[in-house]
N, C-alpha and C. Protein backbone atom coordinates (compact mmCIF):
# COMPACT_ATOMS: atom_id res chain seq x y z
N MET A 1 0.84 -1.17 0.00
CA MET A 1 0.00 0.00 0.00
C MET A 1 0.89 1.23 0.00
N SER A 2 0.47 2.23 -0.75
CA SER A 2 1.30 3.42 -0.85
C SER A 2 1.13 4.31 0.38
N ILE A 3 2.06 5.22 0.51
CA ILE A 3 2.02 6.15 1.63
C ILE A 3 0.89 7.14 1.40
N VAL A 4 0.14 7.44 2.43
CA VAL A 4 -0.96 8.39 2.34
C VAL A 4 -0.55 9.65 3.08
N TYR A 5 -0.65 10.77 2.40
CA TYR A 5 -0.30 12.05 2.99
C TYR A 5 -1.57 12.78 3.40
N ARG A 6 -1.52 13.48 4.52
CA ARG A 6 -2.64 14.30 4.95
C ARG A 6 -2.59 15.60 4.15
N SER A 7 -3.73 16.06 3.75
CA SER A 7 -3.81 17.27 2.95
C SER A 7 -4.39 18.40 3.77
N ARG A 8 -4.14 19.62 3.33
CA ARG A 8 -4.77 20.76 3.99
C ARG A 8 -6.22 20.88 3.56
N PHE A 9 -6.63 20.12 2.53
CA PHE A 9 -8.01 20.11 2.08
C PHE A 9 -8.75 18.97 2.74
N ALA A 10 -9.89 19.27 3.30
CA ALA A 10 -10.67 18.28 4.06
C ALA A 10 -11.09 17.09 3.21
N ASP A 11 -11.39 17.31 1.91
CA ASP A 11 -11.92 16.22 1.11
C ASP A 11 -10.91 15.09 0.90
N VAL A 12 -9.64 15.42 0.75
CA VAL A 12 -8.63 14.40 0.55
C VAL A 12 -8.41 13.59 1.83
N ASN A 13 -8.52 14.23 2.99
CA ASN A 13 -8.31 13.53 4.24
C ASN A 13 -9.32 12.41 4.46
N TRP A 14 -10.50 12.53 3.92
CA TRP A 14 -11.52 11.50 4.10
C TRP A 14 -11.11 10.19 3.43
N LEU A 15 -10.18 10.24 2.49
CA LEU A 15 -9.72 9.01 1.84
C LEU A 15 -8.84 8.17 2.75
N THR A 16 -8.27 8.78 3.77
CA THR A 16 -7.34 8.05 4.63
C THR A 16 -8.02 7.36 5.79
N ASP A 17 -9.28 7.65 6.03
CA ASP A 17 -10.01 7.08 7.16
C ASP A 17 -11.27 6.41 6.65
N GLY A 18 -11.82 5.54 7.46
CA GLY A 18 -13.10 4.93 7.13
C GLY A 18 -12.97 3.63 6.36
N PRO A 19 -14.10 3.03 6.03
CA PRO A 19 -14.09 1.70 5.44
C PRO A 19 -13.59 1.64 4.00
N ILE A 20 -13.60 2.75 3.29
CA ILE A 20 -13.18 2.75 1.88
C ILE A 20 -11.66 2.86 1.76
N ALA A 21 -11.01 3.40 2.76
CA ALA A 21 -9.57 3.70 2.72
C ALA A 21 -8.69 2.55 2.22
N PRO A 22 -8.88 1.30 2.67
CA PRO A 22 -7.98 0.23 2.21
C PRO A 22 -8.10 -0.10 0.73
N HIS A 23 -9.09 0.46 0.06
CA HIS A 23 -9.35 0.10 -1.34
C HIS A 23 -9.04 1.23 -2.32
N ILE A 24 -8.52 2.33 -1.81
CA ILE A 24 -8.23 3.48 -2.67
C ILE A 24 -7.12 3.18 -3.66
N ASP A 25 -6.09 2.46 -3.25
CA ASP A 25 -5.02 2.14 -4.19
C ASP A 25 -5.54 1.26 -5.33
N ALA A 26 -6.41 0.32 -5.01
CA ALA A 26 -7.01 -0.52 -6.05
C ALA A 26 -7.89 0.31 -6.98
N PHE A 27 -8.60 1.29 -6.41
CA PHE A 27 -9.42 2.20 -7.21
C PHE A 27 -8.54 2.99 -8.17
N LYS A 28 -7.43 3.54 -7.67
CA LYS A 28 -6.51 4.29 -8.51
C LYS A 28 -5.93 3.40 -9.61
N GLN A 29 -5.59 2.15 -9.26
CA GLN A 29 -5.04 1.23 -10.24
C GLN A 29 -6.07 0.91 -11.32
N HIS A 30 -7.32 0.74 -10.92
CA HIS A 30 -8.40 0.48 -11.87
C HIS A 30 -8.51 1.62 -12.88
N LEU A 31 -8.43 2.85 -12.41
CA LEU A 31 -8.51 4.00 -13.31
C LEU A 31 -7.26 4.09 -14.18
N ALA A 32 -6.10 3.78 -13.62
CA ALA A 32 -4.87 3.78 -14.41
C ALA A 32 -4.94 2.71 -15.51
N ASP A 33 -5.47 1.55 -15.17
CA ASP A 33 -5.61 0.47 -16.17
C ASP A 33 -6.57 0.89 -17.28
N GLY A 34 -7.55 1.70 -16.93
CA GLY A 34 -8.49 2.20 -17.92
C GLY A 34 -7.97 3.42 -18.68
N ARG A 35 -6.76 3.84 -18.36
CA ARG A 35 -6.08 4.95 -19.03
C ARG A 35 -6.86 6.27 -18.92
N TYR A 36 -7.40 6.51 -17.74
CA TYR A 36 -8.12 7.76 -17.51
C TYR A 36 -7.13 8.90 -17.36
N ALA A 37 -7.52 10.07 -17.80
CA ALA A 37 -6.68 11.26 -17.70
C ALA A 37 -6.46 11.61 -16.23
N SER A 38 -5.33 12.22 -15.94
CA SER A 38 -5.01 12.56 -14.55
C SER A 38 -6.05 13.51 -13.96
N SER A 39 -6.59 14.40 -14.77
CA SER A 39 -7.62 15.31 -14.25
C SER A 39 -8.90 14.55 -13.89
N THR A 40 -9.23 13.52 -14.67
CA THR A 40 -10.41 12.70 -14.36
C THR A 40 -10.17 11.91 -13.08
N VAL A 41 -8.98 11.34 -12.95
CA VAL A 41 -8.64 10.59 -11.74
C VAL A 41 -8.74 11.49 -10.51
N ALA A 42 -8.19 12.69 -10.61
CA ALA A 42 -8.25 13.63 -9.48
C ALA A 42 -9.69 13.97 -9.14
N GLY A 43 -10.51 14.21 -10.14
CA GLY A 43 -11.92 14.52 -9.89
C GLY A 43 -12.65 13.35 -9.26
N TYR A 44 -12.40 12.13 -9.77
CA TYR A 44 -13.05 10.94 -9.21
C TYR A 44 -12.61 10.70 -7.77
N LEU A 45 -11.35 10.94 -7.47
CA LEU A 45 -10.88 10.78 -6.09
C LEU A 45 -11.55 11.79 -5.17
N SER A 46 -11.73 13.00 -5.66
CA SER A 46 -12.44 14.01 -4.87
C SER A 46 -13.88 13.57 -4.61
N ASN A 47 -14.52 13.00 -5.63
CA ASN A 47 -15.89 12.52 -5.47
C ASN A 47 -15.97 11.35 -4.50
N ILE A 48 -15.00 10.45 -4.57
CA ILE A 48 -14.96 9.30 -3.65
C ILE A 48 -14.71 9.79 -2.24
N ALA A 49 -13.88 10.82 -2.09
CA ALA A 49 -13.62 11.38 -0.76
C ALA A 49 -14.91 11.98 -0.18
N HIS A 50 -15.68 12.63 -1.02
CA HIS A 50 -16.96 13.20 -0.58
C HIS A 50 -17.89 12.07 -0.13
N PHE A 51 -17.97 11.01 -0.92
CA PHE A 51 -18.80 9.86 -0.55
C PHE A 51 -18.28 9.22 0.74
N ALA A 52 -16.97 9.11 0.87
CA ALA A 52 -16.37 8.53 2.08
C ALA A 52 -16.73 9.35 3.32
N GLN A 53 -16.76 10.66 3.18
CA GLN A 53 -17.16 11.53 4.29
C GLN A 53 -18.61 11.24 4.67
N TRP A 54 -19.47 11.10 3.69
CA TRP A 54 -20.88 10.79 3.95
C TRP A 54 -21.04 9.41 4.58
N VAL A 55 -20.30 8.41 4.06
CA VAL A 55 -20.35 7.04 4.60
C VAL A 55 -19.94 7.05 6.07
N ARG A 56 -18.89 7.76 6.37
CA ARG A 56 -18.42 7.81 7.76
C ARG A 56 -19.43 8.50 8.66
N GLY A 57 -20.04 9.57 8.15
CA GLY A 57 -21.06 10.27 8.92
C GLY A 57 -22.29 9.41 9.18
N LYS A 58 -22.64 8.56 8.23
CA LYS A 58 -23.78 7.66 8.37
C LYS A 58 -23.41 6.37 9.12
N ARG A 59 -22.10 6.20 9.37
CA ARG A 59 -21.58 5.00 10.05
C ARG A 59 -21.94 3.72 9.30
N LEU A 60 -21.84 3.81 7.97
CA LEU A 60 -22.10 2.63 7.14
C LEU A 60 -20.89 1.71 7.15
N ARG A 61 -21.14 0.44 7.29
CA ARG A 61 -20.06 -0.53 7.14
C ARG A 61 -19.84 -0.77 5.66
N LEU A 62 -18.66 -1.24 5.32
CA LEU A 62 -18.30 -1.46 3.92
C LEU A 62 -19.30 -2.38 3.22
N CYS A 63 -19.75 -3.41 3.90
CA CYS A 63 -20.66 -4.37 3.28
C CYS A 63 -22.02 -3.74 2.96
N ARG A 64 -22.32 -2.57 3.48
CA ARG A 64 -23.60 -1.89 3.23
C ARG A 64 -23.52 -0.92 2.05
N ILE A 65 -22.33 -0.79 1.47
CA ILE A 65 -22.19 0.08 0.31
C ILE A 65 -22.66 -0.69 -0.93
N ASP A 66 -23.68 -0.15 -1.58
CA ASP A 66 -24.23 -0.76 -2.78
C ASP A 66 -24.98 0.29 -3.58
N GLU A 67 -25.72 -0.14 -4.59
CA GLU A 67 -26.47 0.79 -5.41
C GLU A 67 -27.47 1.60 -4.59
N GLY A 68 -28.06 0.97 -3.58
CA GLY A 68 -29.03 1.66 -2.74
C GLY A 68 -28.41 2.79 -1.94
N SER A 69 -27.27 2.53 -1.31
CA SER A 69 -26.62 3.59 -0.53
C SER A 69 -26.10 4.70 -1.44
N ILE A 70 -25.66 4.34 -2.63
CA ILE A 70 -25.19 5.36 -3.57
C ILE A 70 -26.37 6.20 -4.06
N ALA A 71 -27.50 5.58 -4.31
CA ALA A 71 -28.69 6.33 -4.72
C ALA A 71 -29.11 7.28 -3.61
N GLN A 72 -29.03 6.83 -2.37
CA GLN A 72 -29.38 7.71 -1.25
C GLN A 72 -28.44 8.91 -1.20
N PHE A 73 -27.15 8.65 -1.40
CA PHE A 73 -26.16 9.73 -1.42
C PHE A 73 -26.45 10.72 -2.56
N LEU A 74 -26.68 10.19 -3.76
CA LEU A 74 -26.89 11.05 -4.93
C LEU A 74 -28.23 11.80 -4.88
N ASP A 75 -29.28 11.10 -4.43
CA ASP A 75 -30.63 11.68 -4.47
C ASP A 75 -30.96 12.55 -3.28
N HIS A 76 -30.45 12.20 -2.12
CA HIS A 76 -30.85 12.91 -0.90
C HIS A 76 -29.76 13.81 -0.32
N HIS A 77 -28.52 13.33 -0.36
CA HIS A 77 -27.44 14.13 0.23
C HIS A 77 -26.93 15.20 -0.74
N LEU A 78 -26.58 14.79 -1.94
CA LEU A 78 -25.90 15.69 -2.87
C LEU A 78 -26.68 16.97 -3.18
N PRO A 79 -28.00 16.90 -3.42
CA PRO A 79 -28.72 18.14 -3.73
C PRO A 79 -28.74 19.16 -2.58
N HIS A 80 -28.57 18.69 -1.35
CA HIS A 80 -28.64 19.57 -0.18
C HIS A 80 -27.32 19.60 0.59
N CYS A 81 -26.25 19.21 -0.07
CA CYS A 81 -24.95 19.04 0.58
C CYS A 81 -24.43 20.34 1.18
N GLN A 82 -23.96 20.23 2.43
CA GLN A 82 -23.30 21.34 3.10
C GLN A 82 -22.00 20.85 3.74
N CYS A 83 -21.38 19.88 3.09
CA CYS A 83 -20.13 19.31 3.62
C CYS A 83 -19.02 20.34 3.59
N VAL A 84 -18.02 20.11 4.44
CA VAL A 84 -16.88 21.01 4.58
C VAL A 84 -15.88 20.72 3.47
N GLY A 85 -15.22 21.77 3.01
CA GLY A 85 -14.15 21.60 2.04
C GLY A 85 -14.58 21.90 0.62
N PRO A 86 -13.61 21.90 -0.28
CA PRO A 86 -13.91 22.18 -1.70
C PRO A 86 -14.55 20.95 -2.35
N ILE A 87 -15.87 20.88 -2.32
CA ILE A 87 -16.58 19.70 -2.80
C ILE A 87 -17.32 20.01 -4.08
N ARG A 88 -17.20 19.08 -5.01
CA ARG A 88 -17.95 19.19 -6.26
C ARG A 88 -19.37 18.69 -6.03
N HIS A 89 -20.30 19.24 -6.76
CA HIS A 89 -21.69 18.82 -6.62
C HIS A 89 -22.27 18.28 -7.92
N ASP A 90 -21.40 17.85 -8.81
CA ASP A 90 -21.83 17.32 -10.11
C ASP A 90 -22.30 15.88 -9.95
N ARG A 91 -23.58 15.65 -10.13
CA ARG A 91 -24.18 14.33 -9.96
C ARG A 91 -23.58 13.31 -10.94
N CYS A 92 -23.41 13.70 -12.18
CA CYS A 92 -22.90 12.76 -13.20
C CYS A 92 -21.49 12.28 -12.86
N ASP A 93 -20.62 13.20 -12.45
CA ASP A 93 -19.26 12.80 -12.08
C ASP A 93 -19.26 11.91 -10.85
N HIS A 94 -20.08 12.26 -9.86
CA HIS A 94 -20.18 11.41 -8.66
C HIS A 94 -20.67 10.02 -9.04
N ARG A 95 -21.70 9.94 -9.87
CA ARG A 95 -22.25 8.65 -10.25
C ARG A 95 -21.20 7.81 -10.99
N ALA A 96 -20.46 8.43 -11.88
CA ALA A 96 -19.42 7.71 -12.61
C ALA A 96 -18.33 7.19 -11.66
N ALA A 97 -17.85 8.06 -10.78
CA ALA A 97 -16.81 7.65 -9.83
C ALA A 97 -17.30 6.53 -8.93
N LEU A 98 -18.52 6.65 -8.45
CA LEU A 98 -19.06 5.64 -7.54
C LEU A 98 -19.34 4.32 -8.26
N GLY A 99 -19.66 4.39 -9.53
CA GLY A 99 -19.80 3.16 -10.32
C GLY A 99 -18.48 2.42 -10.41
N HIS A 100 -17.40 3.15 -10.62
CA HIS A 100 -16.08 2.54 -10.63
C HIS A 100 -15.72 1.97 -9.26
N LEU A 101 -16.09 2.69 -8.22
CA LEU A 101 -15.83 2.20 -6.86
C LEU A 101 -16.55 0.87 -6.62
N LEU A 102 -17.82 0.79 -7.01
CA LEU A 102 -18.55 -0.48 -6.86
C LEU A 102 -17.87 -1.60 -7.62
N PHE A 103 -17.42 -1.31 -8.83
CA PHE A 103 -16.72 -2.32 -9.63
C PHE A 103 -15.49 -2.83 -8.89
N VAL A 104 -14.70 -1.92 -8.36
CA VAL A 104 -13.46 -2.30 -7.65
C VAL A 104 -13.79 -3.11 -6.39
N LEU A 105 -14.75 -2.64 -5.61
CA LEU A 105 -15.10 -3.34 -4.37
C LEU A 105 -15.63 -4.75 -4.67
N ARG A 106 -16.40 -4.89 -5.72
CA ARG A 106 -16.91 -6.22 -6.09
C ARG A 106 -15.80 -7.10 -6.64
N ALA A 107 -14.92 -6.53 -7.42
CA ALA A 107 -13.79 -7.31 -7.96
C ALA A 107 -12.89 -7.82 -6.84
N ARG A 108 -12.80 -7.07 -5.76
CA ARG A 108 -11.98 -7.48 -4.62
C ARG A 108 -12.75 -8.37 -3.66
N GLY A 109 -14.03 -8.59 -3.92
CA GLY A 109 -14.84 -9.49 -3.10
C GLY A 109 -15.24 -8.93 -1.75
N VAL A 110 -15.24 -7.61 -1.60
CA VAL A 110 -15.57 -7.04 -0.29
C VAL A 110 -17.03 -6.62 -0.16
N ILE A 111 -17.74 -6.55 -1.28
CA ILE A 111 -19.18 -6.31 -1.23
C ILE A 111 -19.87 -7.34 -2.12
N ALA A 112 -21.13 -7.56 -1.85
CA ALA A 112 -21.90 -8.57 -2.58
C ALA A 112 -22.16 -8.12 -4.02
N PRO A 113 -22.32 -9.10 -4.91
CA PRO A 113 -22.69 -8.75 -6.29
C PRO A 113 -24.09 -8.13 -6.30
N PRO A 114 -24.41 -7.40 -7.35
CA PRO A 114 -25.73 -6.77 -7.40
C PRO A 114 -26.82 -7.82 -7.57
N THR A 115 -27.99 -7.51 -7.05
CA THR A 115 -29.10 -8.41 -7.24
C THR A 115 -29.61 -8.24 -8.66
N MET A 116 -29.97 -9.36 -9.27
CA MET A 116 -30.45 -9.33 -10.64
C MET A 116 -31.96 -9.27 -10.65
N SER A 117 -32.48 -8.35 -11.42
CA SER A 117 -33.93 -8.27 -11.59
C SER A 117 -34.35 -9.35 -12.57
N THR A 118 -35.51 -9.93 -12.37
CA THR A 118 -35.94 -11.05 -13.21
C THR A 118 -37.20 -10.75 -14.01
N THR A 119 -37.44 -9.48 -14.28
CA THR A 119 -38.59 -9.17 -15.11
C THR A 119 -38.29 -9.61 -16.54
N PRO A 120 -39.30 -9.85 -17.36
CA PRO A 120 -39.06 -10.26 -18.75
C PRO A 120 -38.21 -9.25 -19.53
N VAL A 121 -38.39 -7.98 -19.26
CA VAL A 121 -37.59 -6.96 -19.95
C VAL A 121 -36.11 -7.09 -19.56
N ASP A 122 -35.83 -7.29 -18.28
CA ASP A 122 -34.45 -7.45 -17.83
C ASP A 122 -33.81 -8.69 -18.46
N GLU A 123 -34.54 -9.77 -18.52
CA GLU A 123 -34.01 -10.99 -19.13
C GLU A 123 -33.72 -10.78 -20.61
N GLU A 124 -34.59 -10.09 -21.31
CA GLU A 124 -34.36 -9.80 -22.73
C GLU A 124 -33.13 -8.91 -22.92
N LEU A 125 -32.97 -7.92 -22.04
CA LEU A 125 -31.79 -7.06 -22.12
C LEU A 125 -30.50 -7.84 -21.87
N ARG A 126 -30.53 -8.79 -20.94
CA ARG A 126 -29.35 -9.62 -20.70
C ARG A 126 -29.04 -10.49 -21.92
N ARG A 127 -30.07 -11.04 -22.55
CA ARG A 127 -29.84 -11.84 -23.77
C ARG A 127 -29.27 -10.96 -24.89
N TYR A 128 -29.78 -9.75 -25.02
CA TYR A 128 -29.27 -8.83 -26.04
C TYR A 128 -27.81 -8.47 -25.76
N ASP A 129 -27.49 -8.18 -24.50
CA ASP A 129 -26.09 -7.88 -24.15
C ASP A 129 -25.18 -9.05 -24.49
N ALA A 130 -25.62 -10.26 -24.18
CA ALA A 130 -24.81 -11.45 -24.50
C ALA A 130 -24.63 -11.57 -26.00
N HIS A 131 -25.67 -11.34 -26.76
CA HIS A 131 -25.57 -11.37 -28.23
C HIS A 131 -24.57 -10.34 -28.72
N MET A 132 -24.67 -9.12 -28.20
CA MET A 132 -23.75 -8.06 -28.65
C MET A 132 -22.30 -8.39 -28.30
N GLU A 133 -22.07 -9.03 -27.19
CA GLU A 133 -20.70 -9.41 -26.81
C GLU A 133 -20.18 -10.54 -27.68
N ARG A 134 -21.00 -11.59 -27.87
CA ARG A 134 -20.55 -12.77 -28.63
C ARG A 134 -20.48 -12.50 -30.13
N VAL A 135 -21.54 -11.99 -30.70
CA VAL A 135 -21.65 -11.89 -32.14
C VAL A 135 -21.08 -10.59 -32.69
N ARG A 136 -21.32 -9.51 -32.01
CA ARG A 136 -20.93 -8.21 -32.52
C ARG A 136 -19.63 -7.67 -31.93
N GLY A 137 -19.06 -8.34 -30.95
CA GLY A 137 -17.77 -7.94 -30.40
C GLY A 137 -17.80 -6.73 -29.50
N LEU A 138 -18.95 -6.44 -28.93
CA LEU A 138 -19.07 -5.31 -28.01
C LEU A 138 -18.29 -5.60 -26.73
N ALA A 139 -17.53 -4.64 -26.27
CA ALA A 139 -16.79 -4.82 -25.02
C ALA A 139 -17.77 -4.82 -23.85
N PRO A 140 -17.59 -5.70 -22.86
CA PRO A 140 -18.50 -5.74 -21.70
C PRO A 140 -18.38 -4.48 -20.88
N MET A 141 -19.48 -4.14 -20.17
CA MET A 141 -19.47 -2.96 -19.30
C MET A 141 -18.47 -3.18 -18.17
N ARG A 142 -17.76 -2.12 -17.82
CA ARG A 142 -16.79 -2.22 -16.73
C ARG A 142 -17.42 -1.88 -15.40
N TRP A 143 -18.61 -1.29 -15.38
CA TRP A 143 -19.30 -1.01 -14.13
C TRP A 143 -20.77 -0.86 -14.42
N LEU A 144 -21.57 -1.02 -13.43
CA LEU A 144 -23.02 -0.98 -13.59
C LEU A 144 -23.53 0.44 -13.63
N ARG A 145 -24.51 0.68 -14.47
CA ARG A 145 -25.18 1.97 -14.50
C ARG A 145 -26.14 2.03 -13.33
N LEU A 146 -25.89 2.95 -12.43
CA LEU A 146 -26.67 3.02 -11.20
C LEU A 146 -28.15 3.30 -11.44
N SER A 147 -28.45 4.12 -12.42
CA SER A 147 -29.85 4.46 -12.62
C SER A 147 -30.67 3.24 -13.03
N GLU A 148 -30.09 2.30 -13.76
CA GLU A 148 -30.82 1.11 -14.17
C GLU A 148 -31.00 0.14 -13.01
N GLN A 149 -30.12 0.17 -12.04
CA GLN A 149 -30.21 -0.75 -10.92
C GLN A 149 -31.29 -0.35 -9.92
N GLN A 150 -31.73 0.90 -9.99
CA GLN A 150 -32.69 1.39 -9.01
C GLN A 150 -34.14 1.13 -9.40
N SER A 151 -34.38 0.69 -10.64
CA SER A 151 -35.76 0.47 -11.07
C SER A 151 -36.29 -0.87 -10.65
C-alpha cells in the first residue's frame, strides 16, 4: 500500500479514514488500467472522498455500500450538501466515480454482487447484451449503470 499524505483540504483527508480507505489504491489502479486522464482521476478521487465523508457520517459498514446507498447519497445528500471543504456537486461525475468504486469493491470481493432483476424486460436485455458481446464484439461494461439498478 502506498504512503498516504494528509492534505490541507478536508476532502482528501476522508480518503485516509473509514471503510473505503484500504481500497483506494485498487481504485486508482483500476482507473490507471483504464487509461483515464489525470484530471479525471483527481476529480473521481475528490468525489470518492466526498462519498467517504458521507459514509463515515452515516456510520455505514463497507458491506452496506451498494447501489441503494449510492442512490441515497446522490438523491438525498448531494442536492442539499453542506459538507466542509472544496466539494464538487456534479451528480454525473459522482455517479461515474461511484460506479467505478462499486466495480473495484466487487472485484476485490468485499461487497456482494448486485441483485439481478428477473422481469421479462431485464431478461431480454441480458440476452441482447450477451448477443452483442458474442456476435458483434461489443466490449462488456466495466461497471453498472446506477440508474438502471434502481428500477
